[in-house]
Every structure is written in C-alpha cells, then in structure tokens.
Amino acid sequence: MWFAEFPFEEDENITKERPVIVLAVDDDTCKVLSMKVTSTEPYSEFEITLFDWEKIPLHHESTAVASDVKSIRKNDFRRRIGRLSDDDWDNVTDLYYSFLKSTGITFEE
C-alpha cells in the first residue's frame, strides 16, 4: 500500500492524499491502477473492510472501495506504507473482479 494523490470523482483535477492499493503497473504509460482506501464504513456491495489494517500499518479501520479504481501517474505516489495481508489481498481482488463483472467487463483469470 502507498499514499498517493487520488483524484476526486466529481473533479479529477482535485486530489487528496490517501492510502491506495496498487493493483497493477503499466510501465509503458507510467501509470498505476490503484484502489481507493477510506476511513468510512462500507456502504455498498463493492466495499470491504480491511481486516489486517493495523499490520499495514494504518491508523484506523479502513475500507477498500472496488468501485473507485483509477490510473495514477507514478510521480503522484508519495510514500510506501506497507503491504496487505494475503487474506486482505484475496478479498480485495475478488471484490474488484466482482465489480468488473457487474459492469459487463469480461476477463481471463
């Protein structure tokens, strides 16, 4: 996990430094596919609480938002903060795949 400047949905020119989960890196375009992490409790089917948030370490219980994934330029990353546990990684990526399927996006596993 990293702290990065993550764009707001309403205006992508406005960003907030927040924790993000790096899902994939594309060196050709120097962008990183990142999932937003927030301190609010899950309120939709595509949000999940990180169980091992203290081990990362984060300062409070946190929620990964699978419906809010963006490509972020590498120079918008500020600092590495830790690593998801294997269980959290599996939960987050499974939820992201479920979100993609719900939007009609197909992929090979």
C-alpha atoms as a PDB file:
ATOM      1  CA  MET A   1       0.000   0.000   0.000  1.00  0.00           C
ATOM      2  CA  TRP A   2       1.013   3.554  -0.708  1.00  0.00           C
ATOM      3  CA  PHE A   3      -0.028   7.112  -0.003  1.00  0.00           C
ATOM      4  CA  ALA A   4      -0.822   8.799  -3.307  1.00  0.00           C
ATOM      5  CA  GLU A   5      -2.668  11.789  -4.699  1.00  0.00           C
ATOM      6  CA  PHE A   6      -6.037  10.240  -5.598  1.00  0.00           C
ATOM      7  CA  PRO A   7      -8.467  12.220  -7.811  1.00  0.00           C
ATOM      8  CA  PHE A   8     -11.986  13.025  -6.663  1.00  0.00           C
ATOM      9  CA  GLU A   9     -14.872  11.542  -8.662  1.00  0.00           C
ATOM     10  CA  GLU A  10     -16.541  14.935  -9.112  1.00  0.00           C
ATOM     11  CA  ASP A  11     -13.408  16.673 -10.437  1.00  0.00           C
ATOM     12  CA  GLU A  12     -10.320  14.653 -11.310  1.00  0.00           C
ATOM     13  CA  ASN A  13      -8.214  17.828 -11.220  1.00  0.00           C
ATOM     14  CA  ILE A  14      -8.714  17.899  -7.441  1.00  0.00           C
ATOM     15  CA  THR A  15      -6.849  15.224  -5.481  1.00  0.00           C
ATOM     16  CA  LYS A  16      -6.471  14.075  -1.912  1.00  0.00           C
ATOM     17  CA  GLU A  17      -3.505  12.234  -0.478  1.00  0.00           C
ATOM     18  CA  ARG A  18      -4.904   8.924   0.722  1.00  0.00           C
ATOM     19  CA  PRO A  19      -3.921   5.279   1.082  1.00  0.00           C
ATOM     20  CA  VAL A  20      -4.252   3.265  -2.111  1.00  0.00           C
ATOM     21  CA  ILE A  21      -3.898  -0.386  -3.020  1.00  0.00           C
ATOM     22  CA  VAL A  22      -1.741  -0.941  -6.089  1.00  0.00           C
ATOM     23  CA  LEU A  23      -3.451  -3.480  -8.348  1.00  0.00           C
ATOM     24  CA  ALA A  24      -1.283  -3.317 -11.483  1.00  0.00           C
ATOM     25  CA  VAL A  25       1.545  -1.310 -13.022  1.00  0.00           C
ATOM     26  CA  ASP A  26       1.794  -0.290 -16.665  1.00  0.00           C
ATOM     27  CA  ASP A  27       5.366   0.817 -17.329  1.00  0.00           C
ATOM     28  CA  ASP A  28       4.545   1.881 -20.885  1.00  0.00           C
ATOM     29  CA  THR A  29       2.325   4.736 -19.736  1.00  0.00           C
ATOM     30  CA  CYS A  30       3.887   5.162 -16.271  1.00  0.00           C
ATOM     31  CA  LYS A  31       0.513   4.738 -14.576  1.00  0.00           C
ATOM     32  CA  VAL A  32      -0.522   2.577 -11.663  1.00  0.00           C
ATOM     33  CA  LEU A  33      -4.014   1.076 -11.304  1.00  0.00           C
ATOM     34  CA  SER A  34      -4.956   1.936  -7.730  1.00  0.00           C
ATOM     35  CA  MET A  35      -7.936   1.287  -5.482  1.00  0.00           C
ATOM     36  CA  LYS A  36      -9.083   3.970  -3.051  1.00  0.00           C
ATOM     37  CA  VAL A  37      -8.997   3.249   0.687  1.00  0.00           C
ATOM     38  CA  THR A  38     -11.161   5.319   3.027  1.00  0.00           C
ATOM     39  CA  SER A  39     -11.909   5.570   6.734  1.00  0.00           C
ATOM     40  CA  THR A  40     -15.674   5.344   6.239  1.00  0.00           C
ATOM     41  CA  GLU A  41     -17.510   2.107   6.859  1.00  0.00           C
ATOM     42  CA  PRO A  42     -18.554   0.010   3.850  1.00  0.00           C
ATOM     43  CA  TYR A  43     -21.887   1.170   2.465  1.00  0.00           C
ATOM     44  CA  SER A  44     -22.112  -0.672  -0.853  1.00  0.00           C
ATOM     45  CA  GLU A  45     -21.631  -4.222  -2.051  1.00  0.00           C
ATOM     46  CA  PHE A  46     -18.321  -3.218  -3.668  1.00  0.00           C
ATOM     47  CA  GLU A  47     -16.652  -2.006  -0.484  1.00  0.00           C
ATOM     48  CA  ILE A  48     -14.863  -4.174   2.051  1.00  0.00           C
ATOM     49  CA  THR A  49     -13.218  -3.639   5.420  1.00  0.00           C
ATOM     50  CA  LEU A  50      -9.516  -4.447   5.556  1.00  0.00           C
ATOM     51  CA  PHE A  51      -9.157  -6.982   8.356  1.00  0.00           C
ATOM     52  CA  ASP A  52      -5.430  -6.563   8.953  1.00  0.00           C
ATOM     53  CA  TRP A  53      -5.314  -2.757   8.707  1.00  0.00           C
ATOM     54  CA  GLU A  54      -3.148  -2.473  11.841  1.00  0.00           C
ATOM     55  CA  LYS A  55      -0.402  -4.637  10.299  1.00  0.00           C
ATOM     56  CA  ILE A  56      -0.043  -2.379   7.205  1.00  0.00           C
ATOM     57  CA  PRO A  57       0.034  -0.077   9.377  1.00  0.00           C
ATOM     58  CA  LEU A  58      -2.939   2.258   9.027  1.00  0.00           C
ATOM     59  CA  HIS A  59      -4.127   4.464  11.889  1.00  0.00           C
ATOM     60  CA  HIS A  60      -7.730   3.228  11.914  1.00  0.00           C
ATOM     61  CA  GLU A  61     -10.059   0.626  10.456  1.00  0.00           C
ATOM     62  CA  SER A  62     -10.230   1.187   6.707  1.00  0.00           C
ATOM     63  CA  THR A  63     -12.390   0.269   3.730  1.00  0.00           C
ATOM     64  CA  ALA A  64     -11.248  -0.631   0.220  1.00  0.00           C
ATOM     65  CA  VAL A  65     -13.552   0.702  -2.490  1.00  0.00           C
ATOM     66  CA  ALA A  66     -13.558  -1.644  -5.510  1.00  0.00           C
ATOM     67  CA  SER A  67     -15.825   0.687  -7.481  1.00  0.00           C
ATOM     68  CA  ASP A  68     -13.288   3.531  -7.226  1.00  0.00           C
ATOM     69  CA  VAL A  69     -10.167   2.416  -9.083  1.00  0.00           C
ATOM     70  CA  LYS A  70      -8.118   4.873 -11.096  1.00  0.00           C
ATOM     71  CA  SER A  71      -4.875   5.009 -13.030  1.00  0.00           C
ATOM     72  CA  ILE A  72      -2.479   7.252 -11.160  1.00  0.00           C
ATOM     73  CA  ARG A  73       0.820   8.560 -12.506  1.00  0.00           C
ATOM     74  CA  LYS A  74       3.851   7.180 -10.719  1.00  0.00           C
ATOM     75  CA  ASN A  75       5.018  10.648  -9.702  1.00  0.00           C
ATOM     76  CA  ASP A  76       1.753  11.125  -7.737  1.00  0.00           C
ATOM     77  CA  PHE A  77       2.823   8.448  -5.262  1.00  0.00           C
ATOM     78  CA  ARG A  78       4.224   9.895  -2.029  1.00  0.00           C
ATOM     79  CA  ARG A  79       5.453   7.011   0.107  1.00  0.00           C
ATOM     80  CA  ARG A  80       5.021   3.289   0.668  1.00  0.00           C
ATOM     81  CA  ILE A  81       3.210   2.482   3.890  1.00  0.00           C
ATOM     82  CA  GLY A  82       3.105  -1.300   3.952  1.00  0.00           C
ATOM     83  CA  ARG A  83       1.623  -4.425   2.465  1.00  0.00           C
ATOM     84  CA  LEU A  84      -1.811  -6.018   2.535  1.00  0.00           C
ATOM     85  CA  SER A  85      -2.060  -9.397   4.184  1.00  0.00           C
ATOM     86  CA  ASP A  86      -2.648 -12.291   1.795  1.00  0.00           C
ATOM     87  CA  ASP A  87      -6.237 -12.615   3.062  1.00  0.00           C
ATOM     88  CA  ASP A  88      -6.964  -8.921   2.505  1.00  0.00           C
ATOM     89  CA  TRP A  89      -5.365  -9.076  -0.965  1.00  0.00           C
ATOM     90  CA  ASP A  90      -7.561 -12.056  -1.906  1.00  0.00           C
ATOM     91  CA  ASN A  91     -10.689 -10.320  -0.568  1.00  0.00           C
ATOM     92  CA  VAL A  92      -9.925  -7.036  -2.343  1.00  0.00           C
ATOM     93  CA  THR A  93      -9.083  -8.584  -5.717  1.00  0.00           C
ATOM     94  CA  ASP A  94     -12.096 -10.937  -5.584  1.00  0.00           C
ATOM     95  CA  LEU A  95     -14.322  -7.941  -4.875  1.00  0.00           C
ATOM     96  CA  TYR A  96     -12.735  -5.978  -7.733  1.00  0.00           C
ATOM     97  CA  TYR A  97     -13.354  -8.867 -10.162  1.00  0.00           C
ATOM     98  CA  SER A  98     -16.978  -8.996  -8.961  1.00  0.00           C
ATOM     99  CA  PHE A  99     -17.296  -5.274  -9.604  1.00  0.00           C
ATOM    100  CA  LEU A 100     -15.852  -5.649 -13.122  1.00  0.00           C
ATOM    101  CA  LYS A 101     -18.271  -8.485 -13.883  1.00  0.00           C
ATOM    102  CA  SER A 102     -21.200  -6.380 -12.651  1.00  0.00           C
ATOM    103  CA  THR A 103     -20.275  -3.698 -15.200  1.00  0.00           C
ATOM    104  CA  GLY A 104     -20.124  -6.227 -18.027  1.00  0.00           C
ATOM    105  CA  ILE A 105     -16.339  -6.261 -18.305  1.00  0.00           C
ATOM    106  CA  THR A 106     -15.043  -9.749 -19.074  1.00  0.00           C
ATOM    107  CA  PHE A 107     -11.519 -11.015 -18.493  1.00  0.00           C
ATOM    108  CA  GLU A 108      -9.479 -14.202 -18.407  1.00  0.00           C
ATOM    109  CA  GLU A 109      -8.496 -15.458 -14.951  1.00  0.00           C
END
